[in-house]
Amino acid sequence: MKKLLVFLVLCLGLVGSGFAQMSFSRPFDKTLSLGIKGGINVPRMFYYSNHSLMLLPQSFAIKPQGGLFLDVPITAYFGFAPEVVFVQRGTDTRYVHHPSSLKVHYSISTNYVDFRFPLELKWSANPSFQPYVIVGVEAGMCLSGKIHLDRRHSGPLFHGPMGPPMDIDAEAMDETIDVSSSSMSLIQAGDSIITLLRDPSLSQSETKELVAGVFRAMFNGSNMSLVHAGAYAGLGVRSKFTIVNQEVLLKFDVTCHQGFLDTYSAYEKSGASQSLNVNAYQIKGYRLPQGLEISLGIALPLKPRLRDACSAFANDRYRSRGRRGVLFGY
């Protein structure tokens, strides 16, 4: 991840310096643009205050991500680009547990909807090639996901050098659980809340108490925390060009994401959740999501760009020269 970011910084610096002396081919355009984006996420988990889990290797995994964004230019060097993104997060861990010699595969795959609010600091370059720095915050909700564990021996084991074979079936397992299997899903929670709000037999205080109970069951009774909040930063390149009289905005960026909220739920930490493995699924410390995202987006202006009023007047005036009395009596 660090090598990729260093390489990207060098590329942007070299290319950006070549465009630094170029002047803008057109004035600053304040037109809003709406677009779609898509790409990949390389997720992992950061285990804070849990040294044993930090030492476990995490495999390289690629997950999809994509959504909608609104490009809001504020100045020629500064912009705002809020977005709604679907992204998959998780981890994939494979290791051999000692001294049991169990081969363990532990993975988490979760689906989130994020609301992101990035700020873009742009280089002073030609609009056809404009590098920028991204800094933003994000908040989201886990819609669904799976926690999976399989562990097995690579071969027959014996009790001591001359002992009988061990019963490996008692230790081997292959389990998959839903992150919200111990509680209601978002759809079920929404239906329950609507039903409570429409019930005329309930008083206002009773309705508030029951709705709060639904939220507690949804967030505190799950096998994983369903709320996400974090921040991210990265680098990108944007370009404006015209295709068949249609202005198009193209954006490419690479961002590093860090979650701030523990993904272990209160239900897990209380010991009531289904614990799959004392090694990889060790409820200790904090499990924070991370990710490296690579995205490509394309956007179109929300409305056609109007011509400058002065230039339009000047064009009409010069076209009317020689036709006295046609334009304001000239």
Protein backbone atom coordinates (compact mmCIF):
# COMPACT_ATOMS: atom_id res chain seq x y z
CA MET A 1 0.00 0.00 0.00
CA LYS A 2 2.81 2.45 0.92
CA LYS A 3 4.76 1.66 -2.26
CA LEU A 4 1.67 2.30 -4.41
CA LEU A 5 1.06 5.69 -2.78
CA VAL A 6 4.72 6.73 -3.16
CA PHE A 7 4.63 5.74 -6.84
CA LEU A 8 1.43 7.70 -7.40
CA VAL A 9 2.88 10.81 -5.70
CA LEU A 10 5.96 10.68 -7.93
CA CYS A 11 3.88 10.27 -11.08
CA LEU A 12 1.59 13.13 -10.20
CA GLY A 13 4.54 15.35 -9.29
CA LEU A 14 6.37 14.73 -12.56
CA VAL A 15 3.33 15.11 -14.78
CA GLY A 16 1.93 18.01 -12.78
CA SER A 17 5.22 19.95 -13.09
CA GLY A 18 4.99 19.65 -16.84
CA PHE A 19 1.59 21.29 -16.86
CA ALA A 20 2.41 23.89 -14.21
CA GLN A 21 3.49 26.50 -16.80
CA MET A 22 0.42 26.02 -18.98
CA SER A 23 -2.36 28.57 -18.80
CA PHE A 24 -6.04 27.71 -18.56
CA SER A 25 -7.65 27.29 -21.93
CA ARG A 26 -10.97 28.58 -20.57
CA PRO A 27 -12.24 30.43 -17.47
CA PHE A 28 -13.25 28.70 -14.26
CA ASP A 29 -16.51 26.79 -14.71
CA LYS A 30 -18.89 26.56 -11.71
CA THR A 31 -21.26 24.05 -13.32
CA LEU A 32 -22.32 21.14 -11.10
CA SER A 33 -21.81 17.64 -12.48
CA LEU A 34 -23.51 14.38 -11.51
CA GLY A 35 -21.74 11.11 -12.16
CA ILE A 36 -21.20 7.47 -11.39
CA LYS A 37 -18.05 5.78 -10.13
CA GLY A 38 -16.79 2.27 -9.67
CA GLY A 39 -13.68 0.36 -8.80
CA ILE A 40 -12.12 -2.00 -6.30
CA ASN A 41 -11.42 -2.05 -2.57
CA VAL A 42 -8.54 -3.95 -0.98
CA PRO A 43 -9.81 -4.43 2.59
CA ARG A 44 -8.15 -5.58 5.79
CA MET A 45 -8.66 -5.29 9.56
CA PHE A 46 -6.47 -3.42 12.02
CA TYR A 47 -6.46 -5.06 15.48
CA TYR A 48 -5.79 -2.39 18.07
CA SER A 49 -4.68 -3.56 21.54
CA ASN A 50 -4.51 -7.20 20.38
CA HIS A 51 -0.92 -8.12 19.50
CA SER A 52 -1.62 -11.80 18.78
CA LEU A 53 -4.21 -11.01 16.11
CA MET A 54 -2.00 -8.30 14.59
CA LEU A 55 0.59 -11.01 13.91
CA LEU A 56 -1.84 -13.15 11.90
CA PRO A 57 -1.31 -12.83 8.11
CA GLN A 58 -4.10 -11.28 6.06
CA SER A 59 -4.46 -12.39 2.46
CA PHE A 60 -4.74 -9.97 -0.45
CA ALA A 61 -8.44 -9.68 -1.33
CA ILE A 62 -10.26 -7.57 -3.92
CA LYS A 63 -13.82 -6.37 -3.29
CA PRO A 64 -16.12 -4.21 -5.47
CA GLN A 65 -17.19 -0.65 -4.71
CA GLY A 66 -19.15 1.98 -6.61
CA GLY A 67 -21.86 4.61 -6.42
CA LEU A 68 -22.96 8.15 -7.30
CA PHE A 69 -21.16 11.44 -6.77
CA LEU A 70 -21.85 15.15 -7.21
CA ASP A 71 -18.95 17.36 -8.31
CA VAL A 72 -19.27 20.85 -6.79
CA PRO A 73 -16.53 23.29 -7.89
CA ILE A 74 -16.04 26.07 -5.31
CA THR A 75 -12.95 27.77 -6.74
CA ALA A 76 -10.47 26.91 -9.45
CA TYR A 77 -8.34 25.17 -6.80
CA PHE A 78 -10.89 23.83 -4.35
CA GLY A 79 -13.95 21.56 -4.69
CA PHE A 80 -16.48 19.44 -2.83
CA ALA A 81 -17.66 16.03 -4.08
CA PRO A 82 -20.24 14.28 -1.84
CA GLU A 83 -21.05 10.69 -2.77
CA VAL A 84 -23.11 7.64 -1.89
CA VAL A 85 -21.12 4.44 -2.27
CA PHE A 86 -21.74 0.70 -1.96
CA VAL A 87 -18.56 -0.97 -0.72
CA GLN A 88 -17.56 -4.41 0.53
CA ARG A 89 -15.25 -4.65 3.53
CA GLY A 90 -13.73 -7.50 5.51
CA THR A 91 -10.64 -9.62 5.90
CA ASP A 92 -9.26 -12.98 4.83
CA THR A 93 -6.86 -14.82 7.16
CA ARG A 94 -5.13 -18.15 6.56
CA TYR A 95 -2.64 -19.63 9.02
CA VAL A 96 -1.61 -22.81 10.84
CA HIS A 97 -2.42 -22.84 14.54
CA HIS A 98 0.25 -24.22 16.83
CA PRO A 99 0.54 -26.63 18.60
CA SER A 100 -2.71 -28.16 17.28
CA SER A 101 -1.46 -28.00 13.63
CA LEU A 102 -4.94 -26.91 12.54
CA LYS A 103 -5.11 -25.15 9.17
CA VAL A 104 -7.40 -22.18 9.77
CA HIS A 105 -9.21 -20.05 7.20
CA TYR A 106 -11.13 -17.14 8.73
CA SER A 107 -12.88 -14.51 6.63
CA ILE A 108 -15.33 -11.62 6.97
CA SER A 109 -17.24 -10.20 3.99
CA THR A 110 -19.66 -7.34 4.66
CA ASN A 111 -21.72 -5.00 2.47
CA TYR A 112 -21.93 -1.31 3.41
CA VAL A 113 -23.61 1.83 2.14
CA ASP A 114 -21.44 4.87 2.87
CA PHE A 115 -22.20 8.58 2.75
CA ARG A 116 -18.93 10.37 2.03
CA PHE A 117 -17.95 14.03 2.12
CA PRO A 118 -14.57 14.61 0.46
CA LEU A 119 -12.79 17.91 -0.15
CA GLU A 120 -10.52 18.25 -3.17
CA LEU A 121 -7.46 20.53 -3.25
CA LYS A 122 -6.47 20.92 -6.90
CA TRP A 123 -3.17 21.77 -8.53
CA SER A 124 -2.99 24.93 -10.65
CA ALA A 125 -2.99 23.13 -13.98
CA ASN A 126 -4.86 22.95 -17.24
CA PRO A 127 -8.47 21.69 -16.79
CA SER A 128 -7.72 18.91 -19.26
CA PHE A 129 -5.33 17.42 -16.68
CA GLN A 130 -5.71 18.50 -13.05
CA PRO A 131 -4.17 16.49 -10.17
CA TYR A 132 -5.75 16.89 -6.74
CA VAL A 133 -5.51 15.79 -3.11
CA ILE A 134 -8.56 14.26 -1.38
CA VAL A 135 -9.40 14.48 2.33
CA GLY A 136 -12.79 13.33 3.59
CA VAL A 137 -14.97 11.71 6.22
CA GLU A 138 -17.47 8.88 5.84
CA ALA A 139 -20.37 7.33 7.72
CA GLY A 140 -22.24 4.19 6.75
CA MET A 141 -24.36 1.20 7.64
CA CYS A 142 -23.69 -2.51 7.28
CA LEU A 143 -26.52 -4.04 5.23
CA SER A 144 -25.45 -7.67 5.28
CA GLY A 145 -22.46 -9.96 5.50
CA LYS A 146 -20.98 -13.31 6.45
CA ILE A 147 -18.39 -14.53 8.94
CA HIS A 148 -16.80 -17.81 7.85
CA LEU A 149 -14.39 -20.24 9.51
CA ASP A 150 -13.08 -23.60 8.43
CA ARG A 151 -10.29 -25.43 10.23
CA ARG A 152 -8.90 -28.87 9.57
CA HIS A 153 -5.80 -31.00 10.04
CA SER A 154 -3.43 -31.54 7.16
CA GLY A 155 -2.98 -35.20 8.07
CA PRO A 156 -3.52 -37.80 10.80
CA LEU A 157 -2.28 -36.83 14.26
CA PHE A 158 -1.35 -39.14 17.16
CA HIS A 159 -1.42 -38.88 20.92
CA GLY A 160 2.31 -39.06 21.57
CA PRO A 161 4.95 -40.88 19.48
CA MET A 162 3.24 -44.30 19.79
CA GLY A 163 -0.28 -43.28 20.78
CA PRO A 164 -3.54 -43.88 18.89
CA PRO A 165 -4.76 -41.45 16.21
CA MET A 166 -6.57 -38.35 17.45
CA ASP A 167 -10.24 -37.75 16.67
CA ILE A 168 -9.74 -34.83 14.29
CA ASP A 169 -13.47 -34.62 13.53
CA ALA A 170 -14.01 -33.22 17.02
CA GLU A 171 -11.72 -30.27 16.25
CA ALA A 172 -12.39 -29.75 12.54
CA MET A 173 -15.25 -27.44 11.60
CA ASP A 174 -16.71 -25.46 8.72
CA GLU A 175 -19.12 -22.75 9.83
CA THR A 176 -20.66 -19.65 8.27
CA ILE A 177 -22.83 -17.21 10.20
CA ASP A 178 -24.63 -14.02 9.23
CA VAL A 179 -23.44 -10.79 10.81
CA SER A 180 -27.02 -10.04 11.87
CA SER A 181 -28.31 -13.60 12.42
CA SER A 182 -28.73 -12.98 16.13
CA SER A 183 -30.89 -9.91 15.58
CA MET A 184 -33.37 -8.48 13.13
CA SER A 185 -32.23 -7.23 9.74
CA LEU A 186 -32.58 -3.63 8.58
CA ILE A 187 -35.71 -4.50 6.59
CA GLN A 188 -37.30 -6.26 9.56
CA ALA A 189 -36.41 -3.34 11.81
CA GLY A 190 -37.94 -0.86 9.36
CA ASP A 191 -41.17 -2.86 9.14
CA SER A 192 -41.38 -3.10 12.92
CA ILE A 193 -40.87 0.65 13.38
CA ILE A 194 -43.51 1.52 10.78
CA THR A 195 -45.98 -0.85 12.44
CA LEU A 196 -45.36 0.73 15.85
CA LEU A 197 -45.75 4.27 14.52
CA ARG A 198 -49.08 3.39 12.89
CA ASP A 199 -50.53 1.63 15.95
CA PRO A 200 -53.20 4.01 17.39
CA SER A 201 -53.48 2.02 20.64
CA LEU A 202 -49.97 3.03 21.76
CA SER A 203 -49.24 6.25 23.58
CA GLN A 204 -46.38 8.48 22.50
CA SER A 205 -44.15 7.35 25.38
CA GLU A 206 -44.91 3.66 24.68
CA THR A 207 -44.11 4.12 21.01
CA LYS A 208 -40.75 5.77 21.80
CA GLU A 209 -39.82 2.98 24.20
CA LEU A 210 -40.71 0.23 21.74
CA VAL A 211 -38.90 1.94 18.85
CA ALA A 212 -35.81 2.29 21.06
CA GLY A 213 -36.06 -1.42 21.80
CA VAL A 214 -36.08 -2.17 18.07
CA PHE A 215 -32.89 -0.14 17.60
CA ARG A 216 -31.22 -1.90 20.53
CA ALA A 217 -32.12 -5.30 19.07
CA MET A 218 -30.80 -4.26 15.66
CA PHE A 219 -27.46 -2.78 16.79
CA ASN A 220 -26.64 -4.60 20.02
CA GLY A 221 -27.89 -8.08 19.10
CA SER A 222 -25.82 -8.60 15.98
CA ASN A 223 -22.68 -10.66 15.43
CA MET A 224 -20.95 -7.49 14.23
CA SER A 225 -21.33 -3.75 14.73
CA LEU A 226 -23.57 -2.37 11.98
CA VAL A 227 -22.48 1.29 12.16
CA HIS A 228 -19.37 2.61 10.42
CA ALA A 229 -17.55 5.94 10.64
CA GLY A 230 -14.09 6.84 9.43
CA ALA A 231 -11.87 9.15 7.41
CA TYR A 232 -9.80 8.84 4.26
CA ALA A 233 -7.22 10.63 2.14
CA GLY A 234 -5.63 10.11 -1.23
CA LEU A 235 -4.60 11.44 -4.62
CA GLY A 236 -6.45 11.80 -7.90
CA VAL A 237 -6.48 13.18 -11.41
CA ARG A 238 -9.43 14.87 -13.13
CA SER A 239 -9.92 15.84 -16.76
CA LYS A 240 -12.58 17.80 -18.64
CA PHE A 241 -13.06 17.23 -22.35
CA THR A 242 -15.79 17.44 -24.97
CA ILE A 243 -17.32 14.58 -26.94
CA VAL A 244 -19.85 15.49 -29.69
CA ASN A 245 -20.57 18.91 -28.11
CA GLN A 246 -21.06 17.26 -24.69
CA GLU A 247 -18.71 18.21 -21.85
CA VAL A 248 -17.53 15.20 -19.83
CA LEU A 249 -15.69 15.05 -16.50
CA LEU A 250 -13.43 12.05 -15.88
CA LYS A 251 -11.95 11.36 -12.42
CA PHE A 252 -9.46 8.74 -11.26
CA ASP A 253 -8.37 8.48 -7.63
CA VAL A 254 -6.64 6.24 -5.10
CA THR A 255 -7.62 6.60 -1.43
CA CYS A 256 -6.69 5.00 1.90
CA HIS A 257 -9.55 4.50 4.38
CA GLN A 258 -9.43 4.06 8.16
CA GLY A 259 -12.45 3.18 10.30
CA PHE A 260 -12.80 4.68 13.77
CA LEU A 261 -15.53 2.46 15.25
CA ASP A 262 -14.96 -1.03 16.65
CA THR A 263 -16.56 -3.71 14.46
CA TYR A 264 -17.01 -6.01 17.47
CA SER A 265 -20.59 -5.56 18.68
CA ALA A 266 -21.69 -5.32 22.31
CA TYR A 267 -23.45 -8.65 21.73
CA GLU A 268 -20.10 -10.24 20.85
CA LYS A 269 -18.18 -8.71 23.74
CA SER A 270 -20.82 -9.85 26.23
CA GLY A 271 -20.08 -13.47 25.23
CA ALA A 272 -23.61 -14.13 23.94
CA SER A 273 -22.58 -14.27 20.27
CA GLN A 274 -21.49 -17.45 18.51
CA SER A 275 -17.70 -17.45 18.80
CA LEU A 276 -16.22 -19.41 15.92
CA ASN A 277 -12.59 -19.68 16.93
CA VAL A 278 -10.53 -18.64 19.96
CA ASN A 279 -7.61 -17.67 17.71
CA ALA A 280 -8.86 -15.68 14.75
CA TYR A 281 -12.20 -14.81 16.38
CA GLN A 282 -10.79 -13.51 19.61
CA ILE A 283 -13.01 -10.81 21.15
CA LYS A 284 -10.28 -8.66 22.63
CA GLY A 285 -9.20 -5.11 21.91
CA TYR A 286 -10.63 -3.31 18.88
CA ARG A 287 -11.12 -4.49 15.29
CA LEU A 288 -11.03 -1.50 12.93
CA PRO A 289 -11.65 -1.70 9.16
CA GLN A 290 -9.12 -0.39 6.66
CA GLY A 291 -9.11 -0.27 2.88
CA LEU A 292 -7.27 0.86 -0.24
CA GLU A 293 -9.75 1.97 -2.91
CA ILE A 294 -9.08 2.61 -6.60
CA SER A 295 -11.93 4.37 -8.42
CA LEU A 296 -12.81 5.67 -11.87
CA GLY A 297 -15.73 8.08 -12.25
CA ILE A 298 -17.47 9.87 -15.11
CA ALA A 299 -19.88 12.80 -14.78
CA LEU A 300 -22.01 15.06 -16.96
CA PRO A 301 -23.07 18.66 -16.23
CA LEU A 302 -26.51 19.03 -14.68
CA LYS A 303 -27.43 21.80 -17.12
CA PRO A 304 -25.86 23.26 -20.29
CA ARG A 305 -23.27 25.94 -19.62
CA LEU A 306 -24.70 29.39 -20.52
CA ARG A 307 -22.72 31.76 -22.64
CA ASP A 308 -21.39 34.90 -21.00
CA ALA A 309 -23.96 37.71 -21.38
CA CYS A 310 -21.38 40.29 -22.48
CA SER A 311 -19.92 38.05 -25.18
CA ALA A 312 -23.42 37.20 -26.41
CA PHE A 313 -24.28 40.92 -26.64
CA ALA A 314 -21.03 41.65 -28.45
CA ASN A 315 -21.67 38.93 -31.01
CA ASP A 316 -25.17 40.23 -31.70
CA ARG A 317 -23.87 43.79 -32.00
CA TYR A 318 -21.19 42.89 -34.55
CA ARG A 319 -23.60 40.79 -36.54
CA SER A 320 -25.94 43.78 -36.64
CA ARG A 321 -23.27 46.26 -37.81
CA GLY A 322 -24.37 47.85 -41.07
CA ARG A 323 -28.04 47.23 -40.30
CA ARG A 324 -28.82 50.58 -38.65
CA GLY A 325 -31.80 50.58 -36.34
CA VAL A 326 -31.89 46.80 -35.86
CA LEU A 327 -30.18 46.68 -32.45
CA PHE A 328 -31.12 49.44 -29.97
CA GLY A 329 -31.22 51.99 -32.76
CA TYR A 330 -27.50 51.61 -33.51
